[in-house]
Amino acid sequence: MKIPISTAIKAVIAVIKAKLVALIVGPPGCGKSDIVHKIAKDFNLKLIDIRLSQCDPTDLNGFPAIVGNKATYTPMDTFPLEGDPLPMGEDGIPMNGWLIFFDELTSAAPAVQAAAYKILLDRKIGNAMLHPNVAMVGAGNREEDNAIVEEMSTALQSRLVHLELEPTLEEWLEWAAENEIDFRITSYLQFKPNNYNSFRADHTDNTYACPRTWAFVNKLLKQVDPGDSLAIPLLSGAISEGVASEFVTFCRIYQDLPTISEILRNPLIITVPKEPSVLFALTGALAHNISRDNSAILMEYISRLPSEFQVVCVREIMRVNLNLRADPNIQKWVTKSALIMI
């Protein structure tokens, strides 16, 4: 069963509290690592990132050593063991424990998979027990994704709680609002939602659009303007040529939009565009420029948009600026347009 990110976060937390190990699987670049990082931050746990595809069995079993006249295994210092002090946070206060993140678990070689049996089920490194304040989570790609995936043994399967991730645009937009993603990206993806995640296992381009690569685009837009001749070649390297060309064309639409200052001067006179692509671009610009000082005037103009674009715009306003949710001018629109919002 595929689940969205918000459900996956709750599910992983439940698995951790049950003292079990969750395995998050999904297509590349869909936010699996972000889930683990968020949980570690929210619960004040030190994150230990272990890439199992790069590990040797010794990393998990411990390193062979001679103590007296007997051979033993010495655990790597990667793993917190019983008796170890809690990790210190940046503020100098002890944290609540550790979260061991076994990334690329599905790409681990069979010998490494077998070496992981003991730590995943018995919480032991060689003969040493993990610290009781250690939680564990795994993540990896699926075999059908054409990624480097090893067949998982049935013994390993039964040691994990399997969660398959299905990222959704709506949840990504919420994340984008919290992480200051360029509003041209969010407006474009609402216009072209299929390009939010264009991943196909048999794709022939060098790359594809997905949550991870749209975050790349956000960083690249700080270095190059969409009107620059470098824009399409550069963005093609992140989200593929076809999607990059469409996105750059969409961004250039902004040049023909009425400016916010023009709308503020004449909200009841400025022409309302009719082309959907232009309207999506306009709703993004409005949502990211509205404030308590100008909400009365801009809401007059927003109320002249086609009803479906009024909804898109107000939802984006509420997503981007939580403080405006109680704004009387926006609440007036919400009350008047309740049926539309449903």
Protein backbone atom coordinates (compact mmCIF):
# COMPACT_ATOMS: atom_id res chain seq x y z
CA MET A 1 0.00 0.00 0.00
CA LYS A 2 1.38 3.39 -1.03
CA ILE A 3 1.15 6.25 1.46
CA PRO A 4 1.83 10.02 1.28
CA ILE A 5 4.67 11.65 3.15
CA SER A 6 2.53 12.94 6.04
CA THR A 7 1.21 9.42 6.69
CA ALA A 8 4.70 7.95 6.30
CA ILE A 9 6.07 10.26 9.00
CA LYS A 10 3.36 9.18 11.46
CA ALA A 11 3.88 5.53 10.52
CA VAL A 12 7.66 5.67 11.01
CA ILE A 13 7.21 7.30 14.42
CA ALA A 14 4.79 4.52 15.43
CA VAL A 15 7.28 1.86 14.29
CA ILE A 16 10.10 3.50 16.26
CA LYS A 17 7.97 3.65 19.40
CA ALA A 18 7.23 -0.06 18.95
CA LYS A 19 11.01 -0.69 19.02
CA LEU A 20 10.95 -1.96 15.43
CA VAL A 21 12.67 -0.81 12.23
CA ALA A 22 10.77 0.81 9.34
CA LEU A 23 11.96 0.54 5.75
CA ILE A 24 10.82 3.47 3.59
CA VAL A 25 10.87 2.65 -0.11
CA GLY A 26 9.90 4.78 -3.08
CA PRO A 27 11.18 6.24 -6.36
CA PRO A 28 14.47 8.16 -6.34
CA GLY A 29 14.32 11.77 -5.20
CA CYS A 30 10.89 11.59 -3.54
CA GLY A 31 11.89 12.73 -0.05
CA LYS A 32 12.70 9.52 1.84
CA SER A 33 15.77 11.03 3.50
CA ASP A 34 13.87 14.21 4.38
CA ILE A 35 11.39 12.15 6.41
CA VAL A 36 14.18 10.68 8.53
CA HIS A 37 15.92 14.04 8.98
CA LYS A 38 12.64 15.62 10.10
CA ILE A 39 11.94 12.90 12.66
CA ALA A 40 15.47 13.19 14.07
CA LYS A 41 15.07 16.95 14.41
CA ASP A 42 11.56 16.81 15.88
CA PHE A 43 12.55 14.27 18.54
CA ASN A 44 15.97 15.80 19.27
CA LEU A 45 17.90 12.73 18.14
CA LYS A 46 21.42 12.75 16.73
CA LEU A 47 21.26 11.41 13.18
CA ILE A 48 23.78 8.74 12.19
CA ASP A 49 23.70 8.32 8.41
CA ILE A 50 24.98 4.92 7.23
CA ARG A 51 24.96 4.08 3.50
CA LEU A 52 24.64 0.31 3.50
CA SER A 53 25.48 0.05 -0.21
CA GLN A 54 28.98 1.28 0.71
CA CYS A 55 29.42 -0.91 3.80
CA ASP A 56 31.41 -4.05 4.41
CA PRO A 57 30.06 -6.80 6.74
CA THR A 58 32.80 -5.86 9.19
CA ASP A 59 31.21 -2.41 9.61
CA LEU A 60 28.15 -4.10 11.15
CA ASN A 61 29.68 -7.15 12.84
CA GLY A 62 32.61 -5.35 14.39
CA PHE A 63 36.32 -5.58 13.58
CA PRO A 64 38.15 -8.83 14.49
CA ALA A 65 40.56 -8.35 17.38
CA ILE A 66 42.60 -10.44 19.83
CA VAL A 67 41.92 -9.90 23.53
CA GLY A 68 44.18 -12.03 25.71
CA ASN A 69 44.19 -15.48 24.13
CA LYS A 70 40.78 -15.16 22.48
CA ALA A 71 39.49 -13.59 19.27
CA THR A 72 36.59 -11.15 19.48
CA TYR A 73 34.88 -8.40 17.52
CA THR A 74 35.41 -4.72 18.35
CA PRO A 75 32.38 -2.59 17.41
CA MET A 76 32.91 0.43 15.20
CA ASP A 77 32.54 3.75 17.03
CA THR A 78 29.74 4.59 14.61
CA PHE A 79 27.26 2.81 16.85
CA PRO A 80 26.20 4.03 20.33
CA LEU A 81 26.40 1.13 22.78
CA GLU A 82 25.07 0.45 26.25
CA GLY A 83 26.80 2.69 28.77
CA ASP A 84 27.71 5.41 26.27
CA PRO A 85 26.73 8.95 27.34
CA LEU A 86 23.91 10.67 25.46
CA PRO A 87 25.08 12.87 22.57
CA MET A 88 25.41 16.60 23.20
CA GLY A 89 23.41 19.08 21.16
CA GLU A 90 24.80 22.30 19.72
CA ASP A 91 23.39 24.11 22.76
CA GLY A 92 25.52 21.97 25.09
CA ILE A 93 22.47 20.11 26.43
CA PRO A 94 22.26 16.30 26.08
CA MET A 95 20.01 15.12 23.28
CA ASN A 96 17.37 12.40 23.69
CA GLY A 97 19.37 9.75 21.84
CA TRP A 98 20.31 8.71 18.31
CA LEU A 99 18.53 7.82 15.09
CA ILE A 100 20.54 5.41 12.93
CA PHE A 101 19.53 5.88 9.30
CA PHE A 102 20.38 2.86 7.14
CA ASP A 103 20.11 4.55 3.76
CA GLU A 104 20.41 2.64 0.47
CA LEU A 105 19.42 -0.50 2.38
CA THR A 106 17.85 -2.10 -0.69
CA SER A 107 21.14 -1.61 -2.57
CA ALA A 108 23.26 -3.44 0.01
CA ALA A 109 25.16 -6.50 -1.15
CA PRO A 110 23.83 -9.87 0.09
CA ALA A 111 26.71 -10.27 2.55
CA VAL A 112 25.98 -6.84 4.05
CA GLN A 113 22.27 -7.66 4.23
CA ALA A 114 23.13 -10.80 6.19
CA ALA A 115 25.44 -8.82 8.50
CA ALA A 116 22.55 -6.43 9.22
CA TYR A 117 20.26 -9.19 10.54
CA LYS A 118 21.57 -8.98 14.10
CA ILE A 119 21.51 -5.21 14.51
CA LEU A 120 18.06 -4.80 12.93
CA LEU A 121 16.34 -7.49 14.99
CA ASP A 122 18.50 -8.07 18.07
CA ARG A 123 19.97 -4.57 18.35
CA LYS A 124 23.48 -6.02 18.64
CA ILE A 125 26.84 -5.22 17.03
CA GLY A 126 28.79 -8.43 17.39
CA ASN A 127 28.19 -9.25 21.07
CA ALA A 128 27.59 -5.64 22.15
CA MET A 129 24.10 -4.21 22.67
CA LEU A 130 23.04 -0.91 21.16
CA HIS A 131 22.22 1.90 23.56
CA PRO A 132 18.54 1.72 24.62
CA ASN A 133 18.04 5.28 23.30
CA VAL A 134 18.88 4.26 19.73
CA ALA A 135 16.15 4.21 17.08
CA MET A 136 16.66 2.79 13.57
CA VAL A 137 15.10 3.50 10.18
CA GLY A 138 15.99 2.19 6.73
CA ALA A 139 15.30 3.57 3.24
CA GLY A 140 15.90 2.52 -0.33
CA ASN A 141 14.68 2.41 -3.90
CA ARG A 142 12.40 -0.15 -5.48
CA GLU A 143 13.48 -2.83 -7.94
CA GLU A 144 11.11 -1.48 -10.60
CA ASP A 145 12.78 1.95 -10.46
CA ASN A 146 15.77 0.72 -12.47
CA ALA A 147 17.98 1.82 -9.59
CA ILE A 148 20.82 -0.29 -8.20
CA VAL A 149 18.77 -2.67 -6.09
CA GLU A 150 19.73 -6.08 -4.71
CA GLU A 151 17.13 -8.77 -4.15
CA MET A 152 16.20 -8.71 -0.49
CA SER A 153 16.40 -12.00 1.36
CA THR A 154 13.24 -13.22 3.05
CA ALA A 155 15.11 -13.19 6.36
CA LEU A 156 15.76 -9.46 5.97
CA GLN A 157 12.22 -8.77 4.76
CA SER A 158 10.75 -10.18 7.95
CA ARG A 159 12.96 -7.98 10.12
CA LEU A 160 11.49 -4.74 8.76
CA VAL A 161 8.17 -2.90 8.64
CA HIS A 162 7.78 -1.97 4.96
CA LEU A 163 6.33 1.44 4.00
CA GLU A 164 6.01 2.44 0.33
CA LEU A 165 6.04 6.17 -0.28
CA GLU A 166 3.92 8.01 -2.84
CA PRO A 167 4.79 11.72 -2.85
CA THR A 168 1.95 14.14 -3.64
CA LEU A 169 2.16 17.62 -5.11
CA GLU A 170 -0.13 19.09 -2.45
CA GLU A 171 2.19 18.01 0.36
CA TRP A 172 5.26 19.19 -1.57
CA LEU A 173 3.66 22.62 -1.97
CA GLU A 174 3.24 22.76 1.80
CA TRP A 175 6.92 21.90 2.17
CA ALA A 176 7.84 24.45 -0.50
CA ALA A 177 6.02 27.22 1.39
CA GLU A 178 7.98 26.38 4.56
CA ASN A 179 11.31 26.27 2.72
CA GLU A 180 11.08 29.44 0.61
CA ILE A 181 10.86 27.70 -2.76
CA ASP A 182 10.61 30.19 -5.64
CA PHE A 183 6.93 30.92 -6.31
CA ARG A 184 7.48 30.52 -10.06
CA ILE A 185 8.17 26.84 -9.39
CA THR A 186 5.06 26.32 -7.26
CA SER A 187 2.88 28.26 -9.73
CA TYR A 188 4.22 26.22 -12.65
CA LEU A 189 3.63 22.90 -10.89
CA GLN A 190 0.05 23.85 -10.12
CA PHE A 191 -0.31 24.61 -13.83
CA LYS A 192 1.50 21.42 -14.90
CA PRO A 193 1.08 18.96 -11.98
CA ASN A 194 2.24 15.99 -14.06
CA ASN A 195 5.70 17.54 -14.17
CA TYR A 196 6.01 17.49 -10.40
CA ASN A 197 7.40 13.96 -10.72
CA SER A 198 8.11 12.85 -14.28
CA PHE A 199 10.18 9.85 -13.20
CA ARG A 200 9.87 6.75 -15.38
CA ALA A 201 12.17 3.79 -14.92
CA ASP A 202 12.66 3.56 -18.71
CA HIS A 203 13.23 7.29 -19.30
CA THR A 204 15.87 8.20 -21.89
CA ASP A 205 16.78 11.71 -20.70
CA ASN A 206 19.81 12.23 -18.49
CA THR A 207 17.56 13.13 -15.58
CA TYR A 208 13.92 13.84 -14.68
CA ALA A 209 11.73 16.16 -12.65
CA CYS A 210 11.07 15.04 -9.07
CA PRO A 211 10.90 16.66 -5.64
CA ARG A 212 14.69 16.52 -5.28
CA THR A 213 15.45 18.06 -8.69
CA TRP A 214 12.85 20.83 -8.28
CA ALA A 215 14.77 21.78 -5.14
CA PHE A 216 17.87 21.92 -7.39
CA VAL A 217 16.00 24.28 -9.74
CA ASN A 218 15.20 26.54 -6.80
CA LYS A 219 18.92 26.87 -6.07
CA LEU A 220 19.80 27.38 -9.75
CA LEU A 221 17.26 30.21 -10.11
CA LYS A 222 19.33 32.16 -7.59
CA GLN A 223 22.23 31.99 -10.07
CA VAL A 224 20.54 32.44 -13.46
CA ASP A 225 17.50 34.36 -14.68
CA PRO A 226 14.97 32.38 -16.78
CA GLY A 227 15.41 34.97 -19.52
CA ASP A 228 19.13 34.19 -19.79
CA SER A 229 20.30 32.01 -22.67
CA LEU A 230 21.97 29.77 -20.09
CA ALA A 231 18.67 28.97 -18.37
CA ILE A 232 17.40 26.12 -20.54
CA PRO A 233 20.75 24.26 -20.84
CA LEU A 234 21.34 24.64 -17.10
CA LEU A 235 17.85 23.65 -15.92
CA SER A 236 17.76 20.78 -18.45
CA GLY A 237 20.57 19.24 -16.45
CA ALA A 238 18.29 19.12 -13.41
CA ILE A 239 14.76 18.39 -14.69
CA SER A 240 15.24 17.27 -18.35
CA GLU A 241 15.14 19.37 -21.49
CA GLY A 242 11.41 19.11 -22.15
CA VAL A 243 10.33 20.16 -18.65
CA ALA A 244 13.02 22.85 -18.49
CA SER A 245 11.84 24.41 -21.76
CA GLU A 246 8.24 24.47 -20.56
CA PHE A 247 9.22 25.93 -17.21
CA VAL A 248 11.37 28.69 -18.72
CA THR A 249 8.55 29.60 -21.13
CA PHE A 250 6.19 29.76 -18.15
CA CYS A 251 8.60 32.02 -16.25
CA ARG A 252 8.82 34.41 -19.19
CA ILE A 253 5.06 34.91 -18.94
CA TYR A 254 5.72 36.99 -15.84
CA GLN A 255 7.17 39.71 -18.03
CA ASP A 256 3.71 40.31 -19.51
CA LEU A 257 1.77 40.25 -16.25
CA PRO A 258 0.36 43.41 -14.72
CA THR A 259 2.69 44.51 -11.95
CA ILE A 260 1.60 44.49 -8.32
CA SER A 261 1.97 48.28 -8.21
CA GLU A 262 -0.31 48.63 -11.26
CA ILE A 263 -2.92 46.37 -9.64
CA LEU A 264 -2.71 48.32 -6.38
CA ARG A 265 -3.39 51.57 -8.24
CA ASN A 266 -6.34 50.24 -10.27
CA PRO A 267 -7.62 46.89 -8.87
CA LEU A 268 -11.04 47.24 -10.53
CA ILE A 269 -9.73 48.41 -13.91
CA ILE A 270 -6.56 46.39 -14.64
CA THR A 271 -7.35 43.67 -17.18
CA VAL A 272 -7.74 40.11 -15.92
CA PRO A 273 -5.91 37.62 -18.20
CA LYS A 274 -7.84 34.70 -19.72
CA GLU A 275 -5.06 32.26 -20.65
CA PRO A 276 -4.72 29.52 -17.94
CA SER A 277 -0.92 29.58 -17.95
CA VAL A 278 -0.95 33.35 -17.43
CA LEU A 279 -3.54 33.04 -14.66
CA PHE A 280 -1.46 30.43 -12.81
CA ALA A 281 1.56 32.72 -13.04
CA LEU A 282 -0.53 35.67 -11.84
CA THR A 283 -1.96 33.81 -8.83
CA GLY A 284 1.56 32.94 -7.71
CA ALA A 285 2.71 36.55 -8.02
CA LEU A 286 -0.33 37.81 -6.09
CA ALA A 287 -0.01 35.21 -3.33
CA HIS A 288 3.64 36.08 -2.73
CA ASN A 289 3.13 39.85 -2.68
CA ILE A 290 -0.01 40.21 -0.58
CA SER A 291 0.32 41.57 2.96
CA ARG A 292 -1.87 42.99 5.72
CA ASP A 293 -1.17 46.46 4.32
CA ASN A 294 -2.42 45.73 0.80
CA SER A 295 -4.79 42.78 1.30
CA ALA A 296 -7.96 44.90 0.97
CA ILE A 297 -6.93 46.19 -2.46
CA LEU A 298 -5.43 42.96 -3.81
CA MET A 299 -8.45 40.93 -2.70
CA GLU A 300 -10.59 43.24 -4.83
CA TYR A 301 -8.55 42.21 -7.85
CA ILE A 302 -8.36 38.54 -6.84
CA SER A 303 -12.17 38.50 -6.61
CA ARG A 304 -12.29 39.39 -10.31
CA LEU A 305 -10.34 36.26 -11.32
CA PRO A 306 -12.24 33.20 -12.59
CA SER A 307 -13.62 31.40 -9.54
CA GLU A 308 -11.27 28.40 -9.78
CA PHE A 309 -8.24 30.71 -9.88
CA GLN A 310 -9.55 32.66 -6.90
CA VAL A 311 -9.42 29.38 -4.98
CA VAL A 312 -5.90 28.59 -6.23
CA CYS A 313 -4.71 32.05 -5.24
CA VAL A 314 -6.26 32.12 -1.76
CA ARG A 315 -5.00 28.61 -0.98
CA GLU A 316 -1.50 29.69 -1.98
CA ILE A 317 -1.80 32.81 0.19
CA MET A 318 -2.74 30.69 3.20
CA ARG A 319 0.03 28.20 2.45
CA VAL A 320 2.75 30.84 2.11
CA ASN A 321 1.78 33.19 4.93
CA LEU A 322 0.09 31.66 7.95
CA ASN A 323 -0.35 35.11 9.49
CA LEU A 324 -2.77 36.09 6.74
CA ARG A 325 -5.20 33.28 7.45
CA ALA A 326 -6.96 35.50 9.99
CA ASP A 327 -6.80 38.63 7.82
CA PRO A 328 -10.35 40.11 7.74
CA ASN A 329 -10.21 40.79 3.99
CA ILE A 330 -9.29 37.18 3.24
CA GLN A 331 -11.78 35.83 5.77
CA LYS A 332 -14.48 37.92 4.09
CA TRP A 333 -13.70 36.18 0.80
CA VAL A 334 -13.59 32.75 2.48
CA THR A 335 -17.02 33.32 4.05
CA LYS A 336 -18.50 34.54 0.79
CA SER A 337 -16.92 31.75 -1.28
CA ALA A 338 -17.31 28.82 1.16
CA LEU A 339 -18.97 26.61 -1.44
CA ILE A 340 -16.18 27.24 -3.90
CA MET A 341 -13.52 26.36 -1.29
CA ILE A 342 -15.19 23.01 -0.67
